[in-house]
Every structure is written in C-alpha cells, then in structure tokens.
C-alpha cells in the first residue's frame, strides 16, 4: 500500500480521498486462530476477533476493521494524517508486524507495510529587472514555488 504526502491538506495536491486506503491480508490455518497480534497488540484473544481496532503510528492510523472467517481474511485501512519527518529519503515505510498462533500452538509472522511518498518542495526560476538608477527591487521568490507538505 502506498500513500502520498502530497495529498495532505498542507501538500502540493491536497486530496482527502487519497489519504486512506483499504486492503486485506489472508492466512491459512487448519486448527483455527488462537491469538493474533499486531505490534504486540491483540487482534484475536482466545480465538475471538477483538476488532475493529486502531493503532496510531508516526504518520497515520492503521485500523483492522473486519475479519471474514470463511476466507481467513482481515480487512484493514491506513489513513495518512501527518507529514513525514525525514531528511534522507523520498519514501518511508511504516511496518506493522503480525504474529499468529493457531490452536495447536504453532506460530508464524507477517507484516503490513505502508509506503509514504514524500512531497518534497520544488523551486522555479525567478527573475526581476532593474536599471542602474533603481535603488531597490521588490518581489517574492517563493510565489511560484511548491512548498511541499513538510513545510507549513
């Protein structure tokens, strides 16, 4: 799943509908689900789905909204809510670790990864003219630039 920081209200192309995405994750177990955690937080306890349940992260909220027992599928959404705090990369990945234990005590793990694309600022060339008798010139070198979601 990939979301763009540009879609935040402070971004270069705000679009509220693009800030939330829905996906599913499926698993196979012959002896049922005893426990399932995400980053150590219980989604299933003693075989019972505890959702819907939400987890705040550095840049948004992951919500486990439904479980389909016939397909062993969890439905989840991620909503981007704040700009990245990054200095070295154009994309960060938020990772949520799932740990599943079945009714026989067998365990396995998987991840939900959310990629967030940076809305980096961009600048356009600026120019202004003055003649030799002009004492000063005025203007704004930022009017035609894109600030990006990181700046506010």
Protein backbone atom coordinates (compact mmCIF):
# COMPACT_ATOMS: atom_id res chain seq x y z
CA UNK A 1 0.00 0.00 0.00
CA UNK A 2 1.38 3.41 -0.95
CA UNK A 3 0.10 6.85 0.02
CA UNK A 4 1.37 10.29 -0.96
CA UNK A 5 2.17 13.06 1.48
CA UNK A 6 1.22 15.48 -1.33
CA UNK A 7 -2.46 14.63 -0.65
CA UNK A 8 -2.39 16.09 2.88
CA UNK A 9 -4.09 19.48 3.34
CA UNK A 10 -0.60 21.05 3.55
CA UNK A 11 0.61 19.11 0.50
CA UNK A 12 1.11 20.23 -3.07
CA UNK A 13 -2.02 18.41 -4.36
CA UNK A 14 -4.47 18.05 -1.45
CA UNK A 15 -6.94 15.20 -1.96
CA UNK A 16 -8.66 13.86 1.16
CA UNK A 17 -9.98 10.70 -0.52
CA UNK A 18 -6.43 9.62 -1.38
CA UNK A 19 -5.30 9.73 2.27
CA UNK A 20 -6.99 6.44 3.16
CA UNK A 21 -6.56 3.04 1.56
CA UNK A 22 -8.13 -0.35 2.27
CA UNK A 23 -6.55 -3.74 1.79
CA UNK A 24 -6.78 -7.32 3.07
CA UNK A 25 -4.41 -9.91 4.42
CA UNK A 26 -5.21 -13.62 4.35
CA UNK A 27 -3.76 -16.58 6.18
CA UNK A 28 -4.22 -20.32 6.32
CA UNK A 29 -4.55 -22.37 9.48
CA UNK A 30 -6.05 -25.84 9.91
CA UNK A 31 -6.58 -25.51 13.65
CA UNK A 32 -8.11 -22.04 13.93
CA UNK A 33 -6.70 -18.81 15.28
CA UNK A 34 -5.86 -18.77 18.96
CA UNK A 35 -4.06 -15.42 19.09
CA UNK A 36 -3.15 -12.73 16.59
CA UNK A 37 -1.25 -9.57 17.47
CA UNK A 38 -0.10 -6.53 15.55
CA UNK A 39 2.99 -4.88 17.04
CA UNK A 40 2.16 -6.78 20.25
CA UNK A 41 -1.48 -5.60 20.44
CA UNK A 42 -4.14 -8.33 20.44
CA UNK A 43 -6.46 -8.61 17.44
CA UNK A 44 -7.60 -12.11 18.44
CA UNK A 45 -7.58 -13.43 22.00
CA UNK A 46 -8.64 -16.99 22.81
CA UNK A 47 -9.88 -17.33 19.23
CA UNK A 48 -12.19 -14.27 19.30
CA UNK A 49 -11.75 -11.28 16.95
CA UNK A 50 -11.39 -8.11 19.04
CA UNK A 51 -11.95 -5.61 16.24
CA UNK A 52 -12.44 -3.15 14.89
CA UNK A 53 -9.28 -1.85 16.48
CA UNK A 54 -6.98 1.05 15.55
CA UNK A 55 -3.27 1.71 16.05
CA UNK A 56 -1.75 5.17 15.81
CA UNK A 57 1.63 5.41 14.11
CA UNK A 58 4.06 8.24 13.48
CA UNK A 59 2.18 9.39 10.37
CA UNK A 60 -1.29 7.89 10.49
CA UNK A 61 -3.69 5.25 11.79
CA UNK A 62 -3.95 1.56 10.91
CA UNK A 63 -7.44 0.15 11.55
CA UNK A 64 -8.25 -3.55 11.48
CA UNK A 65 -11.92 -3.27 10.58
CA UNK A 66 -13.21 -6.77 9.86
CA UNK A 67 -12.48 -10.49 9.87
CA UNK A 68 -14.02 -12.91 7.35
CA UNK A 69 -13.80 -16.38 8.94
CA UNK A 70 -14.83 -18.18 5.73
CA UNK A 71 -11.78 -16.77 3.91
CA UNK A 72 -9.49 -16.22 6.95
CA UNK A 73 -9.09 -12.62 5.80
CA UNK A 74 -8.59 -9.43 7.78
CA UNK A 75 -9.64 -6.14 6.22
CA UNK A 76 -7.60 -3.09 7.19
CA UNK A 77 -7.29 0.58 6.33
CA UNK A 78 -4.47 3.02 6.74
CA UNK A 79 -5.14 6.76 6.91
CA UNK A 80 -2.25 9.17 6.44
CA UNK A 81 -2.67 12.10 8.82
CA UNK A 82 0.65 13.92 9.19
CA UNK A 83 3.70 14.81 7.09
CA UNK A 84 6.87 12.77 7.14
CA UNK A 85 9.74 13.67 9.38
CA UNK A 86 12.55 12.69 7.04
CA UNK A 87 15.83 14.11 5.92
CA UNK A 88 17.43 11.39 3.82
CA UNK A 89 14.81 9.62 1.70
CA UNK A 90 11.82 10.32 -0.51
CA UNK A 91 9.84 7.34 0.82
CA UNK A 92 9.44 5.94 4.29
CA UNK A 93 7.83 2.63 5.15
CA UNK A 94 5.77 2.05 8.26
CA UNK A 95 5.78 -1.64 9.14
CA UNK A 96 3.25 -3.42 11.32
CA UNK A 97 4.27 -6.92 12.49
CA UNK A 98 1.58 -9.60 12.72
CA UNK A 99 2.15 -12.66 14.93
CA UNK A 100 -0.36 -15.52 14.59
CA UNK A 101 -0.65 -18.55 16.87
CA UNK A 102 -3.03 -21.35 15.90
CA UNK A 103 -4.99 -23.71 18.12
CA UNK A 104 -2.07 -26.17 18.25
CA UNK A 105 0.41 -23.52 19.38
CA UNK A 106 2.13 -23.15 16.01
CA UNK A 107 3.23 -19.57 15.30
CA UNK A 108 4.04 -17.57 12.20
CA UNK A 109 4.54 -13.91 11.40
CA UNK A 110 3.92 -11.49 8.56
CA UNK A 111 3.93 -7.74 8.01
CA UNK A 112 1.71 -4.97 6.74
CA UNK A 113 3.87 -2.34 5.04
CA UNK A 114 2.69 1.19 4.31
CA UNK A 115 4.86 3.24 1.95
CA UNK A 116 4.56 7.01 2.24
CA UNK A 117 5.92 9.15 -0.60
CA UNK A 118 7.49 12.46 0.37
CA UNK A 119 6.07 15.70 -1.02
CA UNK A 120 9.38 17.46 -1.46
CA UNK A 121 9.46 21.19 -2.14
CA UNK A 122 10.35 22.36 -5.62
CA UNK A 123 11.56 25.72 -6.81
CA UNK A 124 11.06 27.57 -10.06
CA UNK A 125 13.45 30.07 -11.59
CA UNK A 126 12.78 33.68 -10.66
CA UNK A 127 13.82 36.90 -12.31
CA UNK A 128 13.38 40.61 -11.86
CA UNK A 129 14.82 43.62 -13.65
CA UNK A 130 16.15 46.93 -12.55
CA UNK A 131 18.06 49.69 -14.22
CA UNK A 132 21.14 51.47 -12.92
CA UNK A 133 19.10 54.29 -11.36
CA UNK A 134 16.81 51.97 -9.32
CA UNK A 135 17.70 51.84 -5.62
CA UNK A 136 15.80 48.65 -4.78
CA UNK A 137 13.67 45.93 -6.24
CA UNK A 138 10.79 44.07 -4.60
CA UNK A 139 9.18 40.72 -5.21
CA UNK A 140 8.66 37.29 -3.74
CA UNK A 141 10.93 34.49 -4.86
CA UNK A 142 8.60 31.87 -3.30
CA UNK A 143 5.29 32.74 -5.02
CA UNK A 144 5.83 30.34 -7.89
CA UNK A 145 7.40 27.53 -5.81
CA UNK A 146 5.80 24.44 -4.25
CA UNK A 147 6.49 24.19 -0.54
CA UNK A 148 5.54 20.52 -0.08
CA UNK A 149 3.72 19.01 2.90
CA UNK A 150 6.77 19.16 5.20
CA UNK A 151 6.61 22.93 5.43
CA UNK A 152 3.70 24.82 6.77
